[in-house]
Amino acid sequence: MGMRKPSSSWIDKGKELPNPRPDNYKIIRHHKSKSFLVIEIKYLDCINYEGRKILVFKCELEDLLKQKLIDPHFSDDKNFISPIARFEPTEEGWTAAVHMLNYFDESESDLSDEYKRR
């Protein structure tokens, strides 16, 4: 196993990366499961990972877009939809996020069936 090639997400000592502006983005792709949504988003003013992030939400894409601001950080603020998970912005990260959505949907169905039997 070799050393990992440094990417733009590595921080040089003494340099602080800016937070992405939640109103300055472009959605690259999305995948919707029964209850969950994964998006790959590019924050146009962000430099780590070239501004790309993979975020998982429990909502519809339309509801997320209505709020106009998509903050990649976790939050307890009930006024905004916040991600429930984040993944490395790579193909592996995208695949893992989609698998997580499918697993959660199956788990919810299994739990619903279990409660119906009681």
N, C-alpha and C. Protein backbone atom coordinates (compact mmCIF):
# COMPACT_ATOMS: atom_id res chain seq x y z
N MET A 1 0.84 -1.17 0.00
CA MET A 1 0.00 0.00 0.00
C MET A 1 0.89 1.23 0.00
N GLY A 2 0.73 2.09 -1.01
CA GLY A 2 1.56 3.29 -1.14
C GLY A 2 0.98 4.46 -0.39
N MET A 3 1.71 5.53 -0.43
CA MET A 3 1.22 6.76 0.21
C MET A 3 0.12 7.37 -0.62
N ARG A 4 -0.81 7.97 0.04
CA ARG A 4 -1.91 8.64 -0.63
C ARG A 4 -1.42 9.94 -1.24
N LYS A 5 -1.83 10.19 -2.47
CA LYS A 5 -1.46 11.43 -3.15
C LYS A 5 -2.19 12.60 -2.52
N PRO A 6 -1.47 13.65 -2.15
CA PRO A 6 -2.14 14.82 -1.56
C PRO A 6 -3.16 15.41 -2.52
N SER A 7 -4.26 15.88 -1.97
CA SER A 7 -5.28 16.52 -2.79
C SER A 7 -5.47 17.94 -2.30
N SER A 8 -6.37 18.64 -2.97
CA SER A 8 -6.59 20.03 -2.58
C SER A 8 -7.32 20.15 -1.25
N SER A 9 -7.69 19.02 -0.64
CA SER A 9 -8.37 19.09 0.65
C SER A 9 -7.37 19.15 1.80
N TRP A 10 -6.12 18.94 1.53
CA TRP A 10 -5.11 19.00 2.58
C TRP A 10 -4.84 20.45 2.92
N ILE A 11 -4.73 20.71 4.21
CA ILE A 11 -4.51 22.08 4.66
C ILE A 11 -3.03 22.27 4.97
N ASP A 12 -2.44 23.30 4.37
CA ASP A 12 -1.06 23.65 4.72
C ASP A 12 -1.08 24.29 6.09
N LYS A 13 -0.04 24.05 6.84
CA LYS A 13 0.03 24.67 8.17
C LYS A 13 -0.06 26.18 8.03
N GLY A 14 -0.90 26.76 8.87
CA GLY A 14 -1.04 28.20 8.86
C GLY A 14 -2.10 28.72 7.91
N LYS A 15 -2.64 27.87 7.03
CA LYS A 15 -3.69 28.30 6.10
C LYS A 15 -5.03 27.76 6.57
N GLU A 16 -6.01 28.61 6.62
CA GLU A 16 -7.35 28.18 6.99
C GLU A 16 -8.23 28.26 5.76
N LEU A 17 -8.94 27.16 5.47
CA LEU A 17 -9.82 27.15 4.32
C LEU A 17 -11.13 27.85 4.64
N PRO A 18 -11.67 28.61 3.70
CA PRO A 18 -12.93 29.31 3.96
C PRO A 18 -14.11 28.34 3.96
N ASN A 19 -15.13 28.67 4.74
CA ASN A 19 -16.37 27.90 4.69
C ASN A 19 -17.08 28.21 3.38
N PRO A 20 -17.73 27.21 2.78
CA PRO A 20 -18.47 27.50 1.55
C PRO A 20 -19.69 28.37 1.83
N ARG A 21 -19.99 29.25 0.91
CA ARG A 21 -21.21 30.07 1.02
C ARG A 21 -22.40 29.18 0.65
N PRO A 22 -23.39 29.06 1.50
CA PRO A 22 -24.51 28.15 1.25
C PRO A 22 -25.46 28.61 0.14
N ASP A 23 -25.20 29.80 -0.43
CA ASP A 23 -26.03 30.29 -1.53
C ASP A 23 -25.28 30.31 -2.86
N ASN A 24 -24.08 29.78 -2.89
CA ASN A 24 -23.23 29.85 -4.08
C ASN A 24 -22.80 28.44 -4.48
N TYR A 25 -23.71 27.72 -5.11
CA TYR A 25 -23.47 26.32 -5.42
C TYR A 25 -24.11 25.91 -6.74
N LYS A 26 -23.72 24.73 -7.19
CA LYS A 26 -24.33 24.09 -8.35
C LYS A 26 -24.48 22.61 -8.00
N ILE A 27 -25.68 22.08 -8.14
CA ILE A 27 -25.89 20.66 -7.89
C ILE A 27 -25.44 19.89 -9.13
N ILE A 28 -24.51 18.99 -8.92
CA ILE A 28 -23.93 18.23 -10.02
C ILE A 28 -24.80 17.02 -10.36
N ARG A 29 -25.22 16.29 -9.33
CA ARG A 29 -26.10 15.13 -9.54
C ARG A 29 -26.82 14.83 -8.24
N HIS A 30 -27.88 14.07 -8.36
CA HIS A 30 -28.64 13.67 -7.17
C HIS A 30 -29.23 12.28 -7.39
N HIS A 31 -29.53 11.63 -6.30
CA HIS A 31 -30.18 10.32 -6.32
C HIS A 31 -31.20 10.30 -5.19
N LYS A 32 -32.42 9.92 -5.50
CA LYS A 32 -33.50 9.89 -4.51
C LYS A 32 -33.90 8.46 -4.27
N SER A 33 -33.98 8.09 -3.02
CA SER A 33 -34.55 6.80 -2.66
C SER A 33 -35.94 7.07 -2.10
N LYS A 34 -36.52 6.09 -1.46
CA LYS A 34 -37.88 6.27 -0.94
C LYS A 34 -37.96 7.44 0.05
N SER A 35 -37.03 7.51 0.99
CA SER A 35 -37.11 8.52 2.05
C SER A 35 -35.92 9.46 2.10
N PHE A 36 -34.89 9.18 1.32
CA PHE A 36 -33.64 9.92 1.45
C PHE A 36 -33.17 10.47 0.11
N LEU A 37 -32.26 11.43 0.19
CA LEU A 37 -31.72 12.11 -0.99
C LEU A 37 -30.22 12.26 -0.80
N VAL A 38 -29.47 11.93 -1.84
CA VAL A 38 -28.04 12.23 -1.83
C VAL A 38 -27.77 13.19 -2.99
N ILE A 39 -26.97 14.20 -2.71
CA ILE A 39 -26.59 15.14 -3.77
C ILE A 39 -25.07 15.27 -3.80
N GLU A 40 -24.56 15.49 -4.99
CA GLU A 40 -23.19 15.95 -5.14
C GLU A 40 -23.32 17.41 -5.51
N ILE A 41 -22.69 18.24 -4.73
CA ILE A 41 -22.83 19.69 -4.88
C ILE A 41 -21.45 20.31 -5.00
N LYS A 42 -21.35 21.32 -5.82
CA LYS A 42 -20.09 22.07 -5.96
C LYS A 42 -20.33 23.48 -5.44
N TYR A 43 -19.60 23.83 -4.39
CA TYR A 43 -19.64 25.19 -3.85
C TYR A 43 -18.61 26.00 -4.63
N LEU A 44 -19.06 27.01 -5.32
CA LEU A 44 -18.23 27.72 -6.29
C LEU A 44 -17.13 28.55 -5.66
N ASP A 45 -17.24 28.85 -4.36
CA ASP A 45 -16.22 29.65 -3.69
C ASP A 45 -15.34 28.81 -2.75
N CYS A 46 -15.49 27.52 -2.80
CA CYS A 46 -14.78 26.63 -1.89
C CYS A 46 -13.62 25.96 -2.63
N ILE A 47 -12.48 25.80 -1.96
CA ILE A 47 -11.32 25.25 -2.66
C ILE A 47 -10.96 23.83 -2.25
N ASN A 48 -11.34 23.38 -1.04
CA ASN A 48 -11.00 22.01 -0.69
C ASN A 48 -11.86 21.03 -1.49
N TYR A 49 -11.23 19.98 -1.98
CA TYR A 49 -11.89 19.02 -2.88
C TYR A 49 -12.55 19.74 -4.07
N GLU A 50 -11.93 20.81 -4.51
CA GLU A 50 -12.45 21.60 -5.64
C GLU A 50 -13.88 22.06 -5.39
N GLY A 51 -14.25 22.19 -4.12
CA GLY A 51 -15.58 22.67 -3.77
C GLY A 51 -16.66 21.61 -3.78
N ARG A 52 -16.31 20.38 -4.11
CA ARG A 52 -17.31 19.30 -4.22
C ARG A 52 -17.58 18.66 -2.86
N LYS A 53 -18.87 18.34 -2.63
CA LYS A 53 -19.28 17.65 -1.41
C LYS A 53 -20.40 16.68 -1.77
N ILE A 54 -20.45 15.57 -1.05
CA ILE A 54 -21.54 14.62 -1.18
C ILE A 54 -22.29 14.62 0.14
N LEU A 55 -23.57 14.99 0.07
CA LEU A 55 -24.39 15.20 1.25
C LEU A 55 -25.64 14.33 1.18
N VAL A 56 -26.06 13.82 2.33
CA VAL A 56 -27.27 13.01 2.42
C VAL A 56 -28.29 13.76 3.27
N PHE A 57 -29.51 13.79 2.78
CA PHE A 57 -30.61 14.47 3.46
C PHE A 57 -31.80 13.53 3.57
N LYS A 58 -32.68 13.78 4.52
CA LYS A 58 -33.95 13.07 4.59
C LYS A 58 -35.03 14.07 4.19
N CYS A 59 -35.17 14.22 2.86
CA CYS A 59 -36.14 15.17 2.32
C CYS A 59 -36.26 14.95 0.82
N GLU A 60 -37.09 15.73 0.20
CA GLU A 60 -37.24 15.75 -1.25
C GLU A 60 -36.32 16.82 -1.82
N LEU A 61 -35.84 16.63 -3.03
CA LEU A 61 -34.98 17.62 -3.67
C LEU A 61 -35.69 18.97 -3.78
N GLU A 62 -36.97 18.95 -4.12
CA GLU A 62 -37.72 20.20 -4.28
C GLU A 62 -37.74 21.01 -2.98
N ASP A 63 -37.89 20.30 -1.84
CA ASP A 63 -37.90 21.00 -0.55
C ASP A 63 -36.54 21.60 -0.23
N LEU A 64 -35.49 20.88 -0.57
CA LEU A 64 -34.14 21.39 -0.34
C LEU A 64 -33.88 22.63 -1.19
N LEU A 65 -34.30 22.60 -2.45
CA LEU A 65 -34.08 23.73 -3.35
C LEU A 65 -34.92 24.95 -2.96
N LYS A 66 -36.10 24.72 -2.38
CA LYS A 66 -36.96 25.84 -1.96
C LYS A 66 -36.28 26.73 -0.92
N GLN A 67 -35.47 26.12 -0.06
CA GLN A 67 -34.85 26.93 0.98
C GLN A 67 -33.68 27.75 0.46
N LYS A 68 -33.25 27.50 -0.77
CA LYS A 68 -32.21 28.26 -1.48
C LYS A 68 -30.81 28.10 -0.88
N LEU A 69 -30.69 28.07 0.43
CA LEU A 69 -29.39 27.88 1.09
C LEU A 69 -29.19 26.39 1.37
N ILE A 70 -28.06 25.86 0.96
CA ILE A 70 -27.72 24.48 1.28
C ILE A 70 -26.37 24.51 1.99
N ASP A 71 -26.44 24.44 3.31
CA ASP A 71 -25.24 24.47 4.14
C ASP A 71 -24.76 23.03 4.33
N PRO A 72 -23.48 22.75 4.04
CA PRO A 72 -22.99 21.38 4.17
C PRO A 72 -22.72 20.95 5.60
N HIS A 73 -22.88 21.86 6.55
CA HIS A 73 -22.58 21.54 7.94
C HIS A 73 -23.83 21.03 8.66
N PHE A 74 -23.61 20.16 9.63
CA PHE A 74 -24.71 19.64 10.43
C PHE A 74 -25.24 20.74 11.34
N SER A 75 -26.55 20.75 11.53
CA SER A 75 -27.16 21.80 12.34
C SER A 75 -28.43 21.27 13.01
N ASP A 76 -28.71 21.82 14.18
CA ASP A 76 -29.96 21.51 14.89
C ASP A 76 -31.05 22.53 14.58
N ASP A 77 -30.75 23.51 13.73
CA ASP A 77 -31.71 24.56 13.39
C ASP A 77 -32.87 23.95 12.60
N LYS A 78 -34.04 23.95 13.19
CA LYS A 78 -35.22 23.34 12.56
C LYS A 78 -35.78 24.19 11.41
N ASN A 79 -35.25 25.39 11.21
CA ASN A 79 -35.72 26.25 10.12
C ASN A 79 -35.10 25.87 8.78
N PHE A 80 -34.04 25.07 8.81
CA PHE A 80 -33.36 24.69 7.58
C PHE A 80 -33.14 23.18 7.56
N ILE A 81 -33.19 22.63 6.37
CA ILE A 81 -32.89 21.20 6.20
C ILE A 81 -31.37 21.06 6.26
N SER A 82 -30.92 20.17 7.11
CA SER A 82 -29.50 19.96 7.34
C SER A 82 -29.13 18.54 6.90
N PRO A 83 -27.90 18.34 6.42
CA PRO A 83 -27.51 16.98 6.04
C PRO A 83 -27.49 16.05 7.26
N ILE A 84 -27.76 14.78 7.01
CA ILE A 84 -27.66 13.78 8.07
C ILE A 84 -26.36 12.99 7.95
N ALA A 85 -25.68 13.11 6.80
CA ALA A 85 -24.39 12.43 6.58
C ALA A 85 -23.65 13.14 5.45
N ARG A 86 -22.33 12.99 5.49
CA ARG A 86 -21.46 13.51 4.42
C ARG A 86 -20.48 12.42 4.04
N PHE A 87 -20.11 12.41 2.78
CA PHE A 87 -19.16 11.43 2.27
C PHE A 87 -18.06 12.13 1.49
N GLU A 88 -16.92 11.47 1.40
CA GLU A 88 -15.81 11.99 0.61
C GLU A 88 -16.28 12.18 -0.83
N PRO A 89 -15.98 13.31 -1.46
CA PRO A 89 -16.49 13.59 -2.81
C PRO A 89 -15.70 12.87 -3.90
N THR A 90 -15.83 11.55 -3.91
CA THR A 90 -15.20 10.68 -4.90
C THR A 90 -16.27 9.72 -5.41
N GLU A 91 -15.95 8.95 -6.43
CA GLU A 91 -16.89 7.93 -6.90
C GLU A 91 -17.18 6.91 -5.80
N GLU A 92 -16.15 6.56 -5.03
CA GLU A 92 -16.36 5.65 -3.90
C GLU A 92 -17.32 6.25 -2.88
N GLY A 93 -17.16 7.53 -2.60
CA GLY A 93 -18.05 8.21 -1.67
C GLY A 93 -19.48 8.24 -2.18
N TRP A 94 -19.64 8.52 -3.48
CA TRP A 94 -20.98 8.54 -4.08
C TRP A 94 -21.64 7.17 -3.97
N THR A 95 -20.88 6.13 -4.32
CA THR A 95 -21.41 4.76 -4.26
C THR A 95 -21.80 4.41 -2.83
N ALA A 96 -20.96 4.75 -1.86
CA ALA A 96 -21.26 4.46 -0.45
C ALA A 96 -22.53 5.19 -0.01
N ALA A 97 -22.70 6.44 -0.43
CA ALA A 97 -23.89 7.22 -0.06
C ALA A 97 -25.15 6.58 -0.63
N VAL A 98 -25.10 6.17 -1.89
CA VAL A 98 -26.27 5.54 -2.52
C VAL A 98 -26.60 4.21 -1.82
N HIS A 99 -25.56 3.44 -1.49
CA HIS A 99 -25.79 2.18 -0.76
C HIS A 99 -26.41 2.46 0.61
N MET A 100 -25.97 3.51 1.28
CA MET A 100 -26.53 3.87 2.58
C MET A 100 -28.02 4.19 2.44
N LEU A 101 -28.39 4.94 1.41
CA LEU A 101 -29.79 5.26 1.18
C LEU A 101 -30.62 3.99 1.02
N ASN A 102 -30.13 3.08 0.20
CA ASN A 102 -30.85 1.83 -0.03
C ASN A 102 -30.96 1.02 1.26
N TYR A 103 -29.89 0.99 2.05
CA TYR A 103 -29.92 0.26 3.32
C TYR A 103 -30.93 0.89 4.27
N PHE A 104 -30.92 2.21 4.40
CA PHE A 104 -31.87 2.89 5.28
C PHE A 104 -33.31 2.62 4.85
N ASP A 105 -33.57 2.67 3.54
CA ASP A 105 -34.93 2.41 3.07
C ASP A 105 -35.36 0.99 3.41
N GLU A 106 -34.46 0.01 3.22
CA GLU A 106 -34.78 -1.37 3.56
C GLU A 106 -34.99 -1.52 5.06
N SER A 107 -34.16 -0.88 5.84
CA SER A 107 -34.28 -0.95 7.30
C SER A 107 -35.59 -0.35 7.78
N GLU A 108 -35.99 0.78 7.19
CA GLU A 108 -37.26 1.40 7.57
C GLU A 108 -38.42 0.48 7.24
N SER A 109 -38.36 -0.20 6.09
CA SER A 109 -39.42 -1.13 5.71
C SER A 109 -39.47 -2.30 6.69
N ASP A 110 -38.29 -2.82 7.04
CA ASP A 110 -38.23 -3.92 7.99
C ASP A 110 -38.81 -3.50 9.34
N LEU A 111 -38.47 -2.31 9.81
CA LEU A 111 -39.00 -1.83 11.08
C LEU A 111 -40.51 -1.63 11.02
N SER A 112 -40.99 -1.08 9.90
CA SER A 112 -42.43 -0.87 9.74
C SER A 112 -43.16 -2.20 9.77
N ASP A 113 -42.62 -3.20 9.08
CA ASP A 113 -43.24 -4.53 9.07
C ASP A 113 -43.26 -5.13 10.47
N GLU A 114 -42.17 -4.94 11.22
CA GLU A 114 -42.08 -5.47 12.59
C GLU A 114 -43.14 -4.84 13.47
N TYR A 115 -43.35 -3.51 13.36
CA TYR A 115 -44.35 -2.84 14.18
C TYR A 115 -45.77 -3.26 13.78
N LYS A 116 -45.98 -3.55 12.51
CA LYS A 116 -47.31 -3.98 12.05
C LYS A 116 -47.69 -5.35 12.63
N ARG A 117 -46.66 -6.20 12.84
CA ARG A 117 -46.92 -7.54 13.37
C ARG A 117 -47.24 -7.51 14.87
N ARG A 118 -46.88 -6.48 15.54
CA ARG A 118 -47.09 -6.42 17.01
C ARG A 118 -48.51 -6.10 17.36
